[in-house]
Amino acid sequence: MKPRKNSNLFMAVGIVVFLMMAASGCGKKEVPPPTDAAKAAAKAKPPVQKRSSSAMAPAPQERFDFAGKKDPFRSYVVAATKVKLPLPQISVKQLPIQQYEVNQFKVLGIITGLAENRAMVLDPTGKSYVVKDGTLIGPHNGRVLKIMPTFIEVTEQYREDSGKIRNRVVKLTLPRKE
């Protein structure tokens, strides 16, 4: 089929007509300002239906009380402060390793060279425990302070009669080979 020469002409005419119609619709129509009589008549008309709402509007003198509410802009992270905490009391729910005095434990072996050293201790009843730095041991809030190749250091906190808190370091040594 041969392309028509007139098709380009029809398309150009169609675009021109479309632009003329669009331009004529963009004109701004001026509305005459209402007269005083029209304004008075609009104000005098009674409303068709009274406005009503099921929601009760709060009385103007009532104010919302924010006392006891969370502040949405306050940080959840509490600033670190030094607080003197009392020594924890000996509770009924102690671990078995916390039932015997630190001096009653015997060191069976020490493993060094790992990410953190570990040691195996034996209580007076013959039960063994593996401990690492920070493990609670003994009834007087004892903690394993450090584990060396030949000994374990345990620090205990106790309160003197004067009320001062003192630390006592107990050293548990590994028995020598015979």
N, C-alpha and C. Protein backbone atom coordinates (compact mmCIF):
# COMPACT_ATOMS: atom_id res chain seq x y z
N MET A 1 0.82 -1.19 0.00
CA MET A 1 0.00 0.00 0.00
C MET A 1 0.86 1.25 0.00
N LYS A 2 0.34 2.23 -0.69
CA LYS A 2 1.05 3.49 -0.75
C LYS A 2 0.56 4.39 0.38
N PRO A 3 1.48 5.07 1.02
CA PRO A 3 1.03 6.00 2.07
C PRO A 3 0.32 7.19 1.44
N ARG A 4 -0.67 7.63 2.11
CA ARG A 4 -1.44 8.76 1.60
C ARG A 4 -0.72 10.07 1.90
N LYS A 5 -0.76 10.94 0.98
CA LYS A 5 -0.13 12.24 1.18
C LYS A 5 -1.02 13.12 2.03
N ASN A 6 -2.30 12.86 2.00
CA ASN A 6 -3.25 13.68 2.73
C ASN A 6 -3.27 13.36 4.23
N SER A 7 -2.73 12.21 4.65
CA SER A 7 -2.82 11.82 6.06
C SER A 7 -2.05 12.79 6.96
N ASN A 8 -0.94 13.28 6.46
CA ASN A 8 -0.18 14.26 7.25
C ASN A 8 -0.95 15.57 7.36
N LEU A 9 -1.65 15.93 6.30
CA LEU A 9 -2.43 17.15 6.32
C LEU A 9 -3.58 17.04 7.30
N PHE A 10 -4.27 15.88 7.32
CA PHE A 10 -5.38 15.68 8.26
C PHE A 10 -4.90 15.72 9.71
N MET A 11 -3.74 15.16 9.94
CA MET A 11 -3.21 15.14 11.30
C MET A 11 -2.86 16.57 11.75
N ALA A 12 -2.29 17.35 10.89
CA ALA A 12 -1.93 18.73 11.23
C ALA A 12 -3.18 19.55 11.51
N VAL A 13 -4.22 19.37 10.70
CA VAL A 13 -5.47 20.10 10.89
C VAL A 13 -6.11 19.68 12.22
N GLY A 14 -6.05 18.38 12.55
CA GLY A 14 -6.63 17.88 13.80
C GLY A 14 -5.93 18.48 15.02
N ILE A 15 -4.64 18.61 14.95
CA ILE A 15 -3.88 19.19 16.08
C ILE A 15 -4.23 20.65 16.24
N VAL A 16 -4.34 21.39 15.15
CA VAL A 16 -4.68 22.82 15.21
C VAL A 16 -6.07 22.99 15.80
N VAL A 17 -7.04 22.17 15.42
CA VAL A 17 -8.39 22.27 15.94
C VAL A 17 -8.41 21.96 17.44
N PHE A 18 -7.66 20.95 17.83
CA PHE A 18 -7.59 20.58 19.26
C PHE A 18 -7.01 21.72 20.10
N LEU A 19 -5.94 22.34 19.60
CA LEU A 19 -5.34 23.45 20.33
C LEU A 19 -6.28 24.64 20.43
N MET A 20 -7.06 24.90 19.38
CA MET A 20 -8.01 26.02 19.42
C MET A 20 -9.10 25.76 20.45
N MET A 21 -9.55 24.51 20.52
CA MET A 21 -10.60 24.19 21.50
C MET A 21 -10.07 24.29 22.92
N ALA A 22 -8.83 23.84 23.12
CA ALA A 22 -8.24 23.90 24.45
C ALA A 22 -8.01 25.34 24.87
N ALA A 23 -7.60 26.18 23.93
CA ALA A 23 -7.33 27.58 24.25
C ALA A 23 -8.62 28.32 24.57
N SER A 24 -9.70 27.98 23.90
CA SER A 24 -10.96 28.67 24.16
C SER A 24 -11.53 28.28 25.52
N GLY A 25 -11.22 27.09 26.01
CA GLY A 25 -11.73 26.65 27.31
C GLY A 25 -10.94 27.22 28.47
N CYS A 26 -9.77 27.78 28.22
CA CYS A 26 -8.93 28.30 29.29
C CYS A 26 -9.29 29.71 29.69
N GLY A 27 -10.19 30.33 28.99
CA GLY A 27 -10.53 31.71 29.30
C GLY A 27 -11.22 31.84 30.65
N LYS A 28 -10.95 32.93 31.36
CA LYS A 28 -11.52 33.12 32.67
C LYS A 28 -12.84 33.87 32.52
N LYS A 29 -13.89 33.28 33.07
CA LYS A 29 -15.20 33.91 33.01
C LYS A 29 -15.36 34.76 34.24
N GLU A 30 -15.73 35.97 34.03
CA GLU A 30 -15.90 36.86 35.17
C GLU A 30 -17.34 36.79 35.66
N VAL A 31 -17.44 36.64 36.98
CA VAL A 31 -18.75 36.59 37.60
C VAL A 31 -18.97 37.94 38.26
N PRO A 32 -20.14 38.52 38.04
CA PRO A 32 -20.38 39.83 38.66
C PRO A 32 -20.50 39.66 40.18
N PRO A 33 -20.00 40.60 40.93
CA PRO A 33 -20.09 40.50 42.38
C PRO A 33 -21.55 40.54 42.84
N PRO A 34 -21.85 39.78 43.91
CA PRO A 34 -23.25 39.77 44.37
C PRO A 34 -23.65 41.12 44.94
N THR A 35 -24.90 41.42 44.76
CA THR A 35 -25.41 42.69 45.27
C THR A 35 -25.76 42.55 46.73
N ASP A 36 -26.01 43.67 47.38
CA ASP A 36 -26.36 43.67 48.80
C ASP A 36 -27.66 42.91 49.05
N ALA A 37 -28.58 42.99 48.11
CA ALA A 37 -29.86 42.30 48.27
C ALA A 37 -29.64 40.78 48.21
N ALA A 38 -28.75 40.32 47.34
CA ALA A 38 -28.48 38.89 47.24
C ALA A 38 -27.79 38.38 48.50
N LYS A 39 -26.90 39.21 49.05
CA LYS A 39 -26.22 38.84 50.30
C LYS A 39 -27.23 38.73 51.44
N ALA A 40 -28.13 39.66 51.53
CA ALA A 40 -29.13 39.64 52.60
C ALA A 40 -30.05 38.44 52.45
N ALA A 41 -30.40 38.08 51.22
CA ALA A 41 -31.29 36.94 50.99
C ALA A 41 -30.58 35.64 51.35
N ALA A 42 -29.28 35.55 51.10
CA ALA A 42 -28.53 34.34 51.43
C ALA A 42 -28.42 34.18 52.95
N LYS A 43 -28.29 35.30 53.66
CA LYS A 43 -28.20 35.23 55.11
C LYS A 43 -29.55 34.93 55.74
N ALA A 44 -30.62 35.34 55.13
CA ALA A 44 -31.95 35.18 55.71
C ALA A 44 -32.51 33.77 55.53
N LYS A 45 -31.93 32.96 54.67
CA LYS A 45 -32.45 31.62 54.45
C LYS A 45 -32.21 30.77 55.69
N PRO A 46 -33.22 30.05 56.16
CA PRO A 46 -33.00 29.16 57.30
C PRO A 46 -32.22 27.93 56.85
N PRO A 47 -31.41 27.35 57.74
CA PRO A 47 -30.65 26.16 57.32
C PRO A 47 -31.59 25.00 57.06
N VAL A 48 -31.21 24.16 56.14
CA VAL A 48 -32.04 23.03 55.75
C VAL A 48 -32.17 22.06 56.91
N GLN A 49 -31.09 21.74 57.56
CA GLN A 49 -31.12 20.80 58.68
C GLN A 49 -30.15 21.29 59.75
N LYS A 50 -30.51 21.11 61.00
CA LYS A 50 -29.65 21.53 62.10
C LYS A 50 -28.44 20.59 62.16
N ARG A 51 -27.27 21.16 62.35
CA ARG A 51 -26.07 20.35 62.46
C ARG A 51 -26.07 19.63 63.79
N SER A 52 -25.77 18.36 63.74
CA SER A 52 -25.65 17.60 64.99
C SER A 52 -24.54 16.58 64.81
N SER A 53 -23.89 16.27 65.91
CA SER A 53 -22.77 15.33 65.87
C SER A 53 -22.92 14.37 67.04
N SER A 54 -22.53 13.13 66.83
CA SER A 54 -22.59 12.17 67.92
C SER A 54 -21.41 12.34 68.87
N ALA A 55 -20.37 13.03 68.43
CA ALA A 55 -19.19 13.25 69.28
C ALA A 55 -19.43 14.48 70.12
N MET A 56 -19.11 14.35 71.39
CA MET A 56 -19.28 15.48 72.29
C MET A 56 -18.03 16.35 72.21
N ALA A 57 -18.22 17.60 72.01
CA ALA A 57 -17.09 18.53 71.98
C ALA A 57 -16.68 18.80 73.42
N PRO A 58 -15.36 18.81 73.70
CA PRO A 58 -14.94 19.07 75.08
C PRO A 58 -15.28 20.50 75.48
N ALA A 59 -15.58 20.64 76.73
CA ALA A 59 -15.89 21.98 77.24
C ALA A 59 -14.62 22.82 77.13
N PRO A 60 -14.74 24.09 76.84
CA PRO A 60 -13.56 24.92 76.62
C PRO A 60 -12.67 25.05 77.86
N GLN A 61 -13.22 24.94 79.08
CA GLN A 61 -12.40 25.09 80.26
C GLN A 61 -11.66 23.80 80.63
N GLU A 62 -11.99 22.66 80.04
CA GLU A 62 -11.29 21.42 80.34
C GLU A 62 -9.95 21.40 79.63
N ARG A 63 -8.93 20.91 80.34
CA ARG A 63 -7.60 20.77 79.76
C ARG A 63 -7.13 19.35 80.02
N PHE A 64 -6.34 18.82 79.09
CA PHE A 64 -5.81 17.47 79.23
C PHE A 64 -4.66 17.49 80.22
N ASP A 65 -4.67 16.56 81.14
CA ASP A 65 -3.63 16.49 82.17
C ASP A 65 -2.57 15.49 81.73
N PHE A 66 -1.33 15.95 81.59
CA PHE A 66 -0.23 15.09 81.14
C PHE A 66 0.51 14.45 82.31
N ALA A 67 0.07 14.66 83.52
CA ALA A 67 0.75 14.07 84.67
C ALA A 67 0.60 12.56 84.63
N GLY A 68 1.69 11.86 84.84
CA GLY A 68 1.67 10.40 84.84
C GLY A 68 1.75 9.79 83.45
N LYS A 69 1.90 10.59 82.42
CA LYS A 69 2.01 10.08 81.06
C LYS A 69 3.47 10.04 80.65
N LYS A 70 3.79 9.16 79.71
CA LYS A 70 5.15 9.07 79.20
C LYS A 70 5.43 10.24 78.27
N ASP A 71 6.66 10.73 78.33
CA ASP A 71 7.09 11.78 77.43
C ASP A 71 7.60 11.11 76.16
N PRO A 72 6.94 11.31 75.01
CA PRO A 72 7.36 10.62 73.79
C PRO A 72 8.71 11.11 73.26
N PHE A 73 9.21 12.25 73.75
CA PHE A 73 10.47 12.79 73.25
C PHE A 73 11.64 12.48 74.16
N ARG A 74 11.39 11.87 75.32
CA ARG A 74 12.48 11.53 76.24
C ARG A 74 13.17 10.26 75.78
N SER A 75 14.47 10.23 75.92
CA SER A 75 15.27 9.09 75.49
C SER A 75 15.00 7.90 76.40
N TYR A 76 15.01 6.70 75.82
CA TYR A 76 14.84 5.50 76.62
C TYR A 76 16.13 5.12 77.34
N VAL A 77 17.25 5.66 76.90
CA VAL A 77 18.53 5.36 77.51
C VAL A 77 18.68 6.24 78.74
N VAL A 78 18.89 5.62 79.87
CA VAL A 78 19.03 6.35 81.12
C VAL A 78 20.50 6.73 81.27
N ALA A 79 20.73 7.95 81.68
CA ALA A 79 22.10 8.41 81.88
C ALA A 79 22.75 7.59 82.99
N ALA A 80 24.00 7.22 82.76
CA ALA A 80 24.72 6.40 83.74
C ALA A 80 25.09 7.26 84.94
N THR A 81 24.66 6.84 86.09
CA THR A 81 24.99 7.53 87.32
C THR A 81 25.56 6.52 88.30
N LYS A 82 26.42 7.02 89.18
CA LYS A 82 26.99 6.14 90.18
C LYS A 82 25.99 6.02 91.33
N VAL A 83 25.51 4.82 91.50
CA VAL A 83 24.55 4.55 92.56
C VAL A 83 25.16 3.51 93.48
N LYS A 84 25.16 3.80 94.76
CA LYS A 84 25.69 2.84 95.71
C LYS A 84 24.60 1.82 96.04
N LEU A 85 24.80 0.63 95.54
CA LEU A 85 23.83 -0.43 95.78
C LEU A 85 24.24 -1.21 97.02
N PRO A 86 23.28 -1.62 97.82
CA PRO A 86 23.63 -2.44 98.97
C PRO A 86 24.07 -3.83 98.51
N LEU A 87 24.84 -4.48 99.35
CA LEU A 87 25.28 -5.83 99.02
C LEU A 87 24.07 -6.74 98.96
N PRO A 88 24.02 -7.62 97.97
CA PRO A 88 22.88 -8.54 97.92
C PRO A 88 22.90 -9.48 99.11
N GLN A 89 21.75 -9.68 99.66
CA GLN A 89 21.63 -10.57 100.81
C GLN A 89 21.68 -12.02 100.34
N ILE A 90 22.08 -12.89 101.23
CA ILE A 90 22.11 -14.31 100.90
C ILE A 90 20.67 -14.77 100.74
N SER A 91 20.37 -15.24 99.55
CA SER A 91 19.00 -15.65 99.28
C SER A 91 18.89 -17.16 99.36
N VAL A 92 17.67 -17.63 99.43
CA VAL A 92 17.41 -19.06 99.49
C VAL A 92 17.71 -19.71 98.14
N LYS A 93 17.53 -18.96 97.06
CA LYS A 93 17.70 -19.51 95.71
C LYS A 93 19.14 -19.30 95.23
N GLN A 94 20.10 -19.86 95.92
CA GLN A 94 21.48 -19.76 95.49
C GLN A 94 21.82 -20.94 94.60
N LEU A 95 22.83 -20.73 93.78
CA LEU A 95 23.35 -21.82 92.98
C LEU A 95 24.11 -22.78 93.89
N PRO A 96 24.26 -24.03 93.50
CA PRO A 96 25.00 -24.97 94.34
C PRO A 96 26.45 -24.55 94.58
N ILE A 97 27.05 -23.86 93.64
CA ILE A 97 28.43 -23.41 93.80
C ILE A 97 28.54 -22.29 94.84
N GLN A 98 27.42 -21.68 95.20
CA GLN A 98 27.42 -20.59 96.17
C GLN A 98 27.08 -21.07 97.58
N GLN A 99 26.98 -22.35 97.82
CA GLN A 99 26.60 -22.86 99.14
C GLN A 99 27.80 -23.10 100.05
N TYR A 100 29.00 -23.21 99.52
CA TYR A 100 30.19 -23.54 100.31
C TYR A 100 31.15 -22.37 100.32
N GLU A 101 31.91 -22.25 101.38
CA GLU A 101 32.92 -21.21 101.49
C GLU A 101 33.97 -21.40 100.39
N VAL A 102 34.56 -20.31 99.95
CA VAL A 102 35.54 -20.36 98.87
C VAL A 102 36.74 -21.20 99.27
N ASN A 103 37.15 -21.15 100.54
CA ASN A 103 38.31 -21.91 101.01
C ASN A 103 38.08 -23.41 100.94
N GLN A 104 36.85 -23.87 100.87
CA GLN A 104 36.55 -25.30 100.85
C GLN A 104 36.69 -25.92 99.46
N PHE A 105 36.81 -25.10 98.41
CA PHE A 105 36.94 -25.62 97.06
C PHE A 105 38.38 -26.02 96.78
N LYS A 106 38.57 -27.06 95.94
CA LYS A 106 39.88 -27.49 95.50
C LYS A 106 39.96 -27.31 94.00
N VAL A 107 41.12 -26.87 93.52
CA VAL A 107 41.32 -26.67 92.08
C VAL A 107 41.79 -27.99 91.48
N LEU A 108 41.05 -28.50 90.50
CA LEU A 108 41.42 -29.75 89.84
C LEU A 108 42.28 -29.50 88.61
N GLY A 109 42.00 -28.46 87.86
CA GLY A 109 42.76 -28.18 86.65
C GLY A 109 42.46 -26.80 86.12
N ILE A 110 43.40 -26.28 85.33
CA ILE A 110 43.26 -24.95 84.74
C ILE A 110 43.58 -25.06 83.26
N ILE A 111 42.73 -24.47 82.43
CA ILE A 111 42.95 -24.45 80.98
C ILE A 111 43.25 -23.01 80.61
N THR A 112 44.42 -22.79 80.02
CA THR A 112 44.81 -21.44 79.59
C THR A 112 45.06 -21.46 78.10
N GLY A 113 45.14 -20.28 77.51
CA GLY A 113 45.46 -20.16 76.10
C GLY A 113 44.25 -20.00 75.22
N LEU A 114 43.04 -20.12 75.74
CA LEU A 114 41.83 -19.90 74.96
C LEU A 114 41.51 -18.41 74.98
N ALA A 115 40.37 -18.07 74.46
CA ALA A 115 39.95 -16.67 74.49
C ALA A 115 39.84 -16.19 75.94
N GLU A 116 39.36 -17.06 76.81
CA GLU A 116 39.35 -16.76 78.25
C GLU A 116 39.70 -18.04 78.99
N ASN A 117 40.47 -17.88 80.03
CA ASN A 117 40.91 -19.04 80.80
C ASN A 117 39.75 -19.63 81.58
N ARG A 118 39.81 -20.95 81.80
CA ARG A 118 38.79 -21.64 82.58
C ARG A 118 39.48 -22.58 83.57
N ALA A 119 38.76 -22.89 84.64
CA ALA A 119 39.31 -23.79 85.65
C ALA A 119 38.21 -24.71 86.14
N MET A 120 38.61 -25.88 86.63
CA MET A 120 37.66 -26.82 87.20
C MET A 120 37.93 -26.88 88.70
N VAL A 121 36.87 -26.65 89.48
CA VAL A 121 36.97 -26.69 90.94
C VAL A 121 36.06 -27.77 91.48
N LEU A 122 36.40 -28.29 92.66
CA LEU A 122 35.67 -29.39 93.29
C LEU A 122 35.15 -28.90 94.64
N ASP A 123 33.83 -29.09 94.90
CA ASP A 123 33.27 -28.68 96.19
C ASP A 123 33.46 -29.80 97.21
N PRO A 124 33.17 -29.57 98.50
CA PRO A 124 33.41 -30.58 99.54
C PRO A 124 32.62 -31.88 99.34
N THR A 125 31.51 -31.84 98.60
CA THR A 125 30.73 -33.06 98.39
C THR A 125 31.24 -33.89 97.23
N GLY A 126 32.19 -33.36 96.44
CA GLY A 126 32.75 -34.10 95.32
C GLY A 126 32.19 -33.69 93.98
N LYS A 127 31.35 -32.68 93.93
CA LYS A 127 30.79 -32.21 92.67
C LYS A 127 31.75 -31.18 92.06
N SER A 128 31.98 -31.28 90.76
CA SER A 128 32.93 -30.36 90.11
C SER A 128 32.18 -29.31 89.29
N TYR A 129 32.82 -28.15 89.15
CA TYR A 129 32.25 -27.02 88.40
C TYR A 129 33.35 -26.42 87.54
N VAL A 130 32.98 -25.96 86.34
CA VAL A 130 33.90 -25.22 85.49
C VAL A 130 33.59 -23.74 85.69
N VAL A 131 34.63 -22.98 86.02
CA VAL A 131 34.46 -21.54 86.29
C VAL A 131 35.29 -20.74 85.31
N LYS A 132 34.89 -19.49 85.11
CA LYS A 132 35.64 -18.55 84.27
C LYS A 132 35.60 -17.20 84.96
N ASP A 133 36.24 -16.20 84.39
CA ASP A 133 36.26 -14.87 85.00
C ASP A 133 34.83 -14.36 85.17
N GLY A 134 34.52 -13.86 86.37
CA GLY A 134 33.20 -13.31 86.65
C GLY A 134 32.20 -14.30 87.21
N THR A 135 32.56 -15.58 87.34
CA THR A 135 31.63 -16.58 87.86
C THR A 135 31.41 -16.36 89.35
N LEU A 136 30.16 -16.44 89.80
CA LEU A 136 29.85 -16.32 91.23
C LEU A 136 30.25 -17.60 91.94
N ILE A 137 30.89 -17.46 93.09
CA ILE A 137 31.32 -18.62 93.86
C ILE A 137 31.32 -18.23 95.33
N GLY A 138 30.81 -19.09 96.17
CA GLY A 138 30.78 -18.83 97.61
C GLY A 138 29.57 -18.03 98.04
N PRO A 139 29.24 -18.11 99.35
CA PRO A 139 28.03 -17.44 99.86
C PRO A 139 28.18 -15.94 100.09
N HIS A 140 29.39 -15.42 100.06
CA HIS A 140 29.62 -14.01 100.38
C HIS A 140 29.86 -13.16 99.14
N ASN A 141 29.04 -13.39 98.12
CA ASN A 141 29.10 -12.59 96.90
C ASN A 141 30.49 -12.64 96.26
N GLY A 142 31.09 -13.82 96.21
CA GLY A 142 32.42 -13.97 95.63
C GLY A 142 32.34 -14.08 94.11
N ARG A 143 33.36 -13.52 93.45
CA ARG A 143 33.47 -13.59 91.99
C ARG A 143 34.88 -14.00 91.64
N VAL A 144 34.98 -14.83 90.59
CA VAL A 144 36.31 -15.20 90.10
C VAL A 144 36.90 -13.96 89.45
N LEU A 145 38.02 -13.50 89.99
CA LEU A 145 38.65 -12.28 89.52
C LEU A 145 39.54 -12.55 88.32
N LYS A 146 40.45 -13.53 88.46
CA LYS A 146 41.30 -13.91 87.33
C LYS A 146 41.77 -15.34 87.50
N ILE A 147 42.05 -15.96 86.37
CA ILE A 147 42.53 -17.34 86.36
C ILE A 147 43.91 -17.32 85.71
N MET A 148 44.91 -17.72 86.49
CA MET A 148 46.30 -17.79 86.02
C MET A 148 46.68 -19.26 85.86
N PRO A 149 47.83 -19.58 85.26
CA PRO A 149 48.20 -20.99 85.05
C PRO A 149 48.37 -21.80 86.33
N THR A 150 48.63 -21.16 87.47
CA THR A 150 48.85 -21.93 88.70
C THR A 150 47.86 -21.62 89.81
N PHE A 151 47.03 -20.61 89.67
CA PHE A 151 46.10 -20.27 90.74
C PHE A 151 44.87 -19.55 90.20
N ILE A 152 43.86 -19.44 91.08
CA ILE A 152 42.62 -18.70 90.80
C ILE A 152 42.47 -17.66 91.89
N GLU A 153 42.14 -16.43 91.51
CA GLU A 153 41.87 -15.38 92.50
C GLU A 153 40.36 -15.13 92.54
N VAL A 154 39.82 -15.17 93.75
CA VAL A 154 38.40 -14.91 93.98
C VAL A 154 38.30 -13.73 94.92
N THR A 155 37.49 -12.75 94.60
CA THR A 155 37.29 -11.60 95.47
C THR A 155 35.90 -11.69 96.09
N GLU A 156 35.84 -11.46 97.39
CA GLU A 156 34.57 -11.48 98.13
C GLU A 156 34.35 -10.12 98.77
N GLN A 157 33.11 -9.71 98.85
CA GLN A 157 32.76 -8.46 99.51
C GLN A 157 32.08 -8.79 100.83
N TYR A 158 32.45 -8.07 101.86
CA TYR A 158 31.79 -8.25 103.14
C TYR A 158 31.70 -6.90 103.83
N ARG A 159 30.78 -6.80 104.75
CA ARG A 159 30.55 -5.55 105.46
C ARG A 159 31.12 -5.66 106.87
N GLU A 160 31.95 -4.67 107.23
CA GLU A 160 32.53 -4.64 108.56
C GLU A 160 31.47 -4.19 109.56
N ASP A 161 31.82 -4.30 110.85
CA ASP A 161 30.89 -3.84 111.90
C ASP A 161 30.64 -2.34 111.81
N SER A 162 31.62 -1.61 111.30
CA SER A 162 31.46 -0.16 111.18
C SER A 162 30.56 0.22 109.99
N GLY A 163 30.24 -0.75 109.13
CA GLY A 163 29.36 -0.49 108.00
C GLY A 163 30.09 -0.34 106.68
N LYS A 164 31.43 -0.32 106.72
CA LYS A 164 32.21 -0.18 105.49
C LYS A 164 32.22 -1.51 104.74
N ILE A 165 32.22 -1.41 103.43
CA ILE A 165 32.29 -2.61 102.59
C ILE A 165 33.74 -2.86 102.24
N ARG A 166 34.20 -4.05 102.52
CA ARG A 166 35.58 -4.43 102.26
C ARG A 166 35.62 -5.56 101.25
N ASN A 167 36.72 -5.63 100.52
CA ASN A 167 36.96 -6.72 99.59
C ASN A 167 38.06 -7.61 100.15
N ARG A 168 37.87 -8.90 100.02
CA ARG A 168 38.87 -9.86 100.45
C ARG A 168 39.21 -10.72 99.24
N VAL A 169 40.49 -10.92 98.99
CA VAL A 169 40.93 -11.73 97.86
C VAL A 169 41.38 -13.08 98.40
N VAL A 170 40.79 -14.16 97.85
CA VAL A 170 41.14 -15.53 98.24
C VAL A 170 41.83 -16.16 97.05
N LYS A 171 42.98 -16.79 97.31
CA LYS A 171 43.76 -17.41 96.25
C LYS A 171 43.64 -18.92 96.39
N LEU A 172 43.13 -19.58 95.35
CA LEU A 172 43.03 -21.04 95.31
C LEU A 172 44.14 -21.52 94.37
N THR A 173 45.06 -22.33 94.88
CA THR A 173 46.18 -22.77 94.07
C THR A 173 45.97 -24.19 93.54
N LEU A 174 46.59 -24.46 92.43
CA LEU A 174 46.57 -25.77 91.82
C LEU A 174 47.61 -26.63 92.55
N PRO A 175 47.24 -27.85 93.00
CA PRO A 175 48.24 -28.69 93.70
C PRO A 175 49.43 -29.01 92.78
N ARG A 176 50.61 -29.10 93.39
CA ARG A 176 51.82 -29.39 92.61
C ARG A 176 51.86 -30.87 92.23
N LYS A 177 52.48 -31.15 91.11
CA LYS A 177 52.65 -32.55 90.66
C LYS A 177 53.74 -33.19 91.49
N GLU A 178 53.54 -34.46 91.86
CA GLU A 178 54.55 -35.16 92.66
C GLU A 178 55.41 -36.04 91.81
